[in-house]
Amino acid sequence: MGAYEDSKLKHPALIQFRGHFDRKRVESMLSKQTGNYEVEMSEHGLDVYFEDVNDARFFISKLKKNMRFKQKLSINYAGLRKGRVRKFFVYSLRFDDEAGGILRTEK
């Protein structure tokens, strides 16, 4: 590990899936995802915790190409690490339509 790797601060992130979405499709896309993540079912939907916010952002960009949803972001204070402020990013993805947010392409 180089000095750059040691100084890189990781900010944790949470992606909340809410509404009507295709859970199997999301889990299939997650299985192809790199990085550390943990999936939990909540009473409101699916929660996916990522160790690094950049992995979460990359996954959301993949979702945007395949699904339709509304996105909200909130940032909370997560404490100090090595004298630097850590932030906790929460992305809430709302799938409102009955089709599970799947984009349809007409042929």
N, C-alpha and C. Protein backbone atom coordinates (compact mmCIF):
# COMPACT_ATOMS: atom_id res chain seq x y z
N MET A 1 0.83 -1.19 0.00
CA MET A 1 0.00 0.00 0.00
C MET A 1 0.87 1.25 0.00
N GLY A 2 0.51 2.17 -0.83
CA GLY A 2 1.25 3.42 -0.91
C GLY A 2 0.70 4.45 0.05
N ALA A 3 1.35 5.60 0.08
CA ALA A 3 0.91 6.68 0.96
C ALA A 3 -0.48 7.17 0.56
N TYR A 4 -0.77 7.15 -0.74
CA TYR A 4 -2.08 7.60 -1.21
C TYR A 4 -3.17 6.69 -0.68
N GLU A 5 -2.94 5.38 -0.69
CA GLU A 5 -3.92 4.42 -0.22
C GLU A 5 -4.20 4.61 1.27
N ASP A 6 -3.15 4.91 2.05
CA ASP A 6 -3.32 5.10 3.48
C ASP A 6 -4.10 6.37 3.80
N SER A 7 -3.91 7.42 3.00
CA SER A 7 -4.55 8.70 3.29
C SER A 7 -5.97 8.79 2.75
N LYS A 8 -6.37 7.85 1.92
CA LYS A 8 -7.70 7.88 1.34
C LYS A 8 -8.74 7.53 2.40
N LEU A 9 -9.63 8.46 2.68
CA LEU A 9 -10.66 8.27 3.69
C LEU A 9 -11.93 7.76 3.03
N LYS A 10 -12.47 6.67 3.54
CA LYS A 10 -13.70 6.11 2.98
C LYS A 10 -14.89 6.60 3.79
N HIS A 11 -15.91 7.03 3.08
CA HIS A 11 -17.16 7.46 3.71
C HIS A 11 -18.20 6.37 3.47
N PRO A 12 -18.83 5.85 4.52
CA PRO A 12 -19.84 4.81 4.34
C PRO A 12 -21.11 5.37 3.69
N ALA A 13 -21.88 4.48 3.07
CA ALA A 13 -23.10 4.89 2.39
C ALA A 13 -24.18 3.83 2.55
N LEU A 14 -25.42 4.28 2.44
CA LEU A 14 -26.59 3.41 2.50
C LEU A 14 -27.47 3.75 1.31
N ILE A 15 -27.92 2.72 0.59
CA ILE A 15 -28.92 2.91 -0.45
C ILE A 15 -30.20 2.25 0.03
N GLN A 16 -31.27 3.04 0.12
CA GLN A 16 -32.57 2.54 0.56
C GLN A 16 -33.46 2.37 -0.67
N PHE A 17 -33.96 1.17 -0.89
CA PHE A 17 -34.89 0.90 -1.98
C PHE A 17 -36.30 0.91 -1.39
N ARG A 18 -37.15 1.80 -1.90
CA ARG A 18 -38.50 1.95 -1.39
C ARG A 18 -39.51 1.90 -2.53
N GLY A 19 -40.70 1.40 -2.23
CA GLY A 19 -41.76 1.34 -3.24
C GLY A 19 -41.76 0.00 -3.95
N HIS A 20 -42.30 -0.03 -5.15
CA HIS A 20 -42.43 -1.26 -5.95
C HIS A 20 -41.22 -1.40 -6.86
N PHE A 21 -40.33 -2.33 -6.54
CA PHE A 21 -39.14 -2.55 -7.36
C PHE A 21 -38.92 -4.05 -7.50
N ASP A 22 -38.18 -4.42 -8.53
CA ASP A 22 -37.88 -5.82 -8.81
C ASP A 22 -36.68 -6.24 -7.97
N ARG A 23 -36.96 -6.87 -6.83
CA ARG A 23 -35.89 -7.23 -5.88
C ARG A 23 -34.88 -8.20 -6.50
N LYS A 24 -35.36 -9.17 -7.27
CA LYS A 24 -34.45 -10.13 -7.88
C LYS A 24 -33.50 -9.45 -8.86
N ARG A 25 -34.01 -8.48 -9.59
CA ARG A 25 -33.17 -7.76 -10.54
C ARG A 25 -32.10 -6.94 -9.81
N VAL A 26 -32.50 -6.28 -8.72
CA VAL A 26 -31.54 -5.50 -7.93
C VAL A 26 -30.48 -6.41 -7.34
N GLU A 27 -30.89 -7.55 -6.78
CA GLU A 27 -29.93 -8.49 -6.20
C GLU A 27 -29.00 -9.08 -7.26
N SER A 28 -29.52 -9.29 -8.46
CA SER A 28 -28.68 -9.78 -9.56
C SER A 28 -27.62 -8.74 -9.92
N MET A 29 -28.02 -7.47 -9.98
CA MET A 29 -27.06 -6.41 -10.28
C MET A 29 -26.04 -6.26 -9.16
N LEU A 30 -26.49 -6.45 -7.92
CA LEU A 30 -25.58 -6.36 -6.78
C LEU A 30 -24.53 -7.47 -6.81
N SER A 31 -24.91 -8.64 -7.28
CA SER A 31 -23.97 -9.77 -7.31
C SER A 31 -22.80 -9.49 -8.25
N LYS A 32 -23.00 -8.59 -9.21
CA LYS A 32 -21.93 -8.22 -10.14
C LYS A 32 -21.11 -7.04 -9.64
N GLN A 33 -21.54 -6.46 -8.52
CA GLN A 33 -20.92 -5.26 -7.96
C GLN A 33 -19.63 -5.60 -7.24
N THR A 34 -18.62 -4.77 -7.44
CA THR A 34 -17.38 -4.92 -6.68
C THR A 34 -17.44 -4.05 -5.43
N GLY A 35 -16.57 -4.27 -4.50
CA GLY A 35 -16.57 -3.49 -3.27
C GLY A 35 -17.32 -4.23 -2.18
N ASN A 36 -17.19 -3.74 -0.97
CA ASN A 36 -17.84 -4.36 0.17
C ASN A 36 -19.22 -3.76 0.39
N TYR A 37 -20.22 -4.64 0.49
CA TYR A 37 -21.57 -4.19 0.77
C TYR A 37 -22.31 -5.26 1.57
N GLU A 38 -23.39 -4.84 2.20
CA GLU A 38 -24.21 -5.75 3.01
C GLU A 38 -25.68 -5.43 2.74
N VAL A 39 -26.47 -6.45 2.51
CA VAL A 39 -27.89 -6.29 2.18
C VAL A 39 -28.74 -6.66 3.40
N GLU A 40 -29.71 -5.79 3.71
CA GLU A 40 -30.64 -6.06 4.81
C GLU A 40 -32.06 -5.75 4.35
N MET A 41 -33.00 -6.58 4.76
CA MET A 41 -34.40 -6.29 4.52
C MET A 41 -34.91 -5.47 5.70
N SER A 42 -35.66 -4.42 5.41
CA SER A 42 -36.28 -3.64 6.48
C SER A 42 -37.79 -3.71 6.25
N GLU A 43 -38.56 -3.17 7.19
CA GLU A 43 -40.01 -3.22 7.03
C GLU A 43 -40.48 -2.31 5.91
N HIS A 44 -39.63 -1.37 5.47
CA HIS A 44 -40.01 -0.43 4.42
C HIS A 44 -39.45 -0.81 3.05
N GLY A 45 -38.54 -1.77 2.98
CA GLY A 45 -37.95 -2.15 1.71
C GLY A 45 -36.61 -2.82 1.90
N LEU A 46 -35.70 -2.52 0.99
CA LEU A 46 -34.37 -3.13 0.98
C LEU A 46 -33.32 -2.06 1.30
N ASP A 47 -32.39 -2.37 2.18
CA ASP A 47 -31.29 -1.48 2.53
C ASP A 47 -29.98 -2.14 2.15
N VAL A 48 -29.13 -1.38 1.45
CA VAL A 48 -27.82 -1.89 1.05
C VAL A 48 -26.77 -0.94 1.61
N TYR A 49 -25.92 -1.46 2.48
CA TYR A 49 -24.85 -0.68 3.11
C TYR A 49 -23.55 -0.90 2.33
N PHE A 50 -22.91 0.20 1.95
CA PHE A 50 -21.63 0.14 1.25
C PHE A 50 -20.54 0.71 2.15
N GLU A 51 -19.36 0.11 2.08
CA GLU A 51 -18.23 0.60 2.86
C GLU A 51 -17.73 1.94 2.34
N ASP A 52 -17.83 2.14 1.02
CA ASP A 52 -17.33 3.37 0.40
C ASP A 52 -18.42 4.00 -0.47
N VAL A 53 -18.63 5.29 -0.32
CA VAL A 53 -19.67 6.00 -1.06
C VAL A 53 -19.43 5.94 -2.57
N ASN A 54 -18.20 5.85 -3.01
CA ASN A 54 -17.93 5.79 -4.45
C ASN A 54 -18.47 4.50 -5.07
N ASP A 55 -18.43 3.40 -4.32
CA ASP A 55 -19.03 2.15 -4.79
C ASP A 55 -20.55 2.30 -4.90
N ALA A 56 -21.15 2.98 -3.93
CA ALA A 56 -22.60 3.21 -3.96
C ALA A 56 -23.00 4.09 -5.14
N ARG A 57 -22.24 5.14 -5.39
CA ARG A 57 -22.53 6.03 -6.52
C ARG A 57 -22.41 5.29 -7.85
N PHE A 58 -21.41 4.42 -7.97
CA PHE A 58 -21.24 3.65 -9.19
C PHE A 58 -22.42 2.70 -9.39
N PHE A 59 -22.89 2.07 -8.31
CA PHE A 59 -24.03 1.17 -8.41
C PHE A 59 -25.30 1.93 -8.80
N ILE A 60 -25.51 3.11 -8.24
CA ILE A 60 -26.69 3.92 -8.60
C ILE A 60 -26.64 4.30 -10.07
N SER A 61 -25.45 4.62 -10.58
CA SER A 61 -25.35 4.97 -12.00
C SER A 61 -25.72 3.79 -12.89
N LYS A 62 -25.37 2.57 -12.46
CA LYS A 62 -25.78 1.36 -13.19
C LYS A 62 -27.30 1.19 -13.14
N LEU A 63 -27.89 1.44 -11.97
CA LEU A 63 -29.34 1.32 -11.82
C LEU A 63 -30.08 2.31 -12.73
N LYS A 64 -29.56 3.52 -12.83
CA LYS A 64 -30.22 4.56 -13.64
C LYS A 64 -30.34 4.16 -15.10
N LYS A 65 -29.43 3.33 -15.57
CA LYS A 65 -29.47 2.89 -16.97
C LYS A 65 -30.56 1.85 -17.19
N ASN A 66 -31.01 1.19 -16.13
CA ASN A 66 -31.96 0.10 -16.26
C ASN A 66 -33.31 0.32 -15.59
N MET A 67 -33.39 1.26 -14.67
CA MET A 67 -34.61 1.43 -13.88
C MET A 67 -34.95 2.90 -13.74
N ARG A 68 -36.23 3.16 -13.46
CA ARG A 68 -36.69 4.54 -13.26
C ARG A 68 -37.06 4.72 -11.79
N PHE A 69 -36.51 5.76 -11.18
CA PHE A 69 -36.78 6.02 -9.77
C PHE A 69 -36.47 7.47 -9.45
N LYS A 70 -36.97 7.91 -8.29
CA LYS A 70 -36.64 9.24 -7.77
C LYS A 70 -35.57 9.04 -6.70
N GLN A 71 -34.60 9.95 -6.69
CA GLN A 71 -33.47 9.81 -5.78
C GLN A 71 -33.37 11.01 -4.85
N LYS A 72 -33.13 10.73 -3.58
CA LYS A 72 -32.86 11.79 -2.60
C LYS A 72 -31.57 11.42 -1.88
N LEU A 73 -30.84 12.45 -1.47
CA LEU A 73 -29.57 12.25 -0.76
C LEU A 73 -29.59 13.04 0.54
N SER A 74 -29.15 12.39 1.60
CA SER A 74 -28.91 13.10 2.86
C SER A 74 -27.53 12.70 3.35
N ILE A 75 -26.87 13.64 4.01
CA ILE A 75 -25.51 13.42 4.50
C ILE A 75 -25.50 13.68 6.00
N ASN A 76 -25.00 12.72 6.76
CA ASN A 76 -24.93 12.84 8.22
C ASN A 76 -23.49 12.73 8.68
N TYR A 77 -23.22 13.31 9.82
CA TYR A 77 -21.91 13.23 10.45
C TYR A 77 -21.71 11.81 10.98
N ALA A 78 -20.57 11.19 10.64
CA ALA A 78 -20.31 9.81 11.05
C ALA A 78 -19.13 9.70 12.02
N GLY A 79 -18.53 10.82 12.39
CA GLY A 79 -17.43 10.78 13.35
C GLY A 79 -16.11 11.17 12.73
N LEU A 80 -15.05 11.00 13.51
CA LEU A 80 -13.70 11.33 13.07
C LEU A 80 -12.90 10.06 12.86
N ARG A 81 -12.06 10.08 11.85
CA ARG A 81 -11.12 8.98 11.62
C ARG A 81 -9.81 9.61 11.18
N LYS A 82 -8.74 9.31 11.92
CA LYS A 82 -7.41 9.87 11.65
C LYS A 82 -7.45 11.39 11.59
N GLY A 83 -8.26 11.98 12.46
CA GLY A 83 -8.34 13.44 12.54
C GLY A 83 -9.16 14.10 11.45
N ARG A 84 -9.81 13.29 10.61
CA ARG A 84 -10.62 13.85 9.52
C ARG A 84 -12.09 13.47 9.72
N VAL A 85 -12.97 14.35 9.28
CA VAL A 85 -14.41 14.13 9.43
C VAL A 85 -14.89 13.07 8.44
N ARG A 86 -15.63 12.10 8.96
CA ARG A 86 -16.28 11.09 8.10
C ARG A 86 -17.75 11.44 7.97
N LYS A 87 -18.29 11.24 6.80
CA LYS A 87 -19.71 11.50 6.55
C LYS A 87 -20.40 10.21 6.16
N PHE A 88 -21.67 10.10 6.51
CA PHE A 88 -22.48 8.94 6.16
C PHE A 88 -23.51 9.40 5.13
N PHE A 89 -23.43 8.84 3.93
CA PHE A 89 -24.31 9.22 2.83
C PHE A 89 -25.49 8.25 2.77
N VAL A 90 -26.70 8.79 2.72
CA VAL A 90 -27.90 7.97 2.60
C VAL A 90 -28.62 8.36 1.31
N TYR A 91 -28.71 7.39 0.39
CA TYR A 91 -29.44 7.59 -0.86
C TYR A 91 -30.76 6.85 -0.74
N SER A 92 -31.86 7.58 -0.91
CA SER A 92 -33.18 6.97 -0.88
C SER A 92 -33.70 6.91 -2.31
N LEU A 93 -33.97 5.70 -2.79
CA LEU A 93 -34.47 5.50 -4.15
C LEU A 93 -35.93 5.08 -4.06
N ARG A 94 -36.80 5.89 -4.65
CA ARG A 94 -38.24 5.64 -4.59
C ARG A 94 -38.73 5.14 -5.95
N PHE A 95 -39.27 3.93 -5.96
CA PHE A 95 -39.85 3.34 -7.16
C PHE A 95 -41.36 3.43 -7.02
N ASP A 96 -42.00 4.29 -7.82
CA ASP A 96 -43.43 4.55 -7.63
C ASP A 96 -44.34 3.71 -8.51
N ASP A 97 -43.91 3.34 -9.70
CA ASP A 97 -44.82 2.63 -10.60
C ASP A 97 -44.90 1.14 -10.27
N GLU A 98 -45.96 0.52 -10.72
CA GLU A 98 -46.20 -0.90 -10.44
C GLU A 98 -45.25 -1.82 -11.20
N ALA A 99 -44.61 -1.31 -12.26
CA ALA A 99 -43.76 -2.15 -13.10
C ALA A 99 -42.38 -2.38 -12.48
N GLY A 100 -42.17 -1.91 -11.28
CA GLY A 100 -40.89 -2.14 -10.62
C GLY A 100 -39.79 -1.23 -11.11
N GLY A 101 -40.16 -0.12 -11.72
CA GLY A 101 -39.18 0.86 -12.15
C GLY A 101 -38.43 0.46 -13.41
N ILE A 102 -38.86 -0.59 -14.07
CA ILE A 102 -38.13 -1.07 -15.26
C ILE A 102 -38.40 -0.15 -16.43
N LEU A 103 -37.35 0.29 -17.08
CA LEU A 103 -37.48 1.10 -18.28
C LEU A 103 -37.86 0.20 -19.45
N ARG A 104 -38.86 0.59 -20.18
CA ARG A 104 -39.29 -0.20 -21.33
C ARG A 104 -38.78 0.48 -22.60
N THR A 105 -38.21 -0.33 -23.47
CA THR A 105 -37.76 0.19 -24.75
C THR A 105 -38.66 -0.35 -25.84
N GLU A 106 -39.19 0.55 -26.66
CA GLU A 106 -40.08 0.13 -27.73
C GLU A 106 -39.27 -0.24 -28.95
N LYS A 107 -39.66 -1.34 -29.58
CA LYS A 107 -38.95 -1.81 -30.77
C LYS A 107 -39.86 -1.82 -31.96
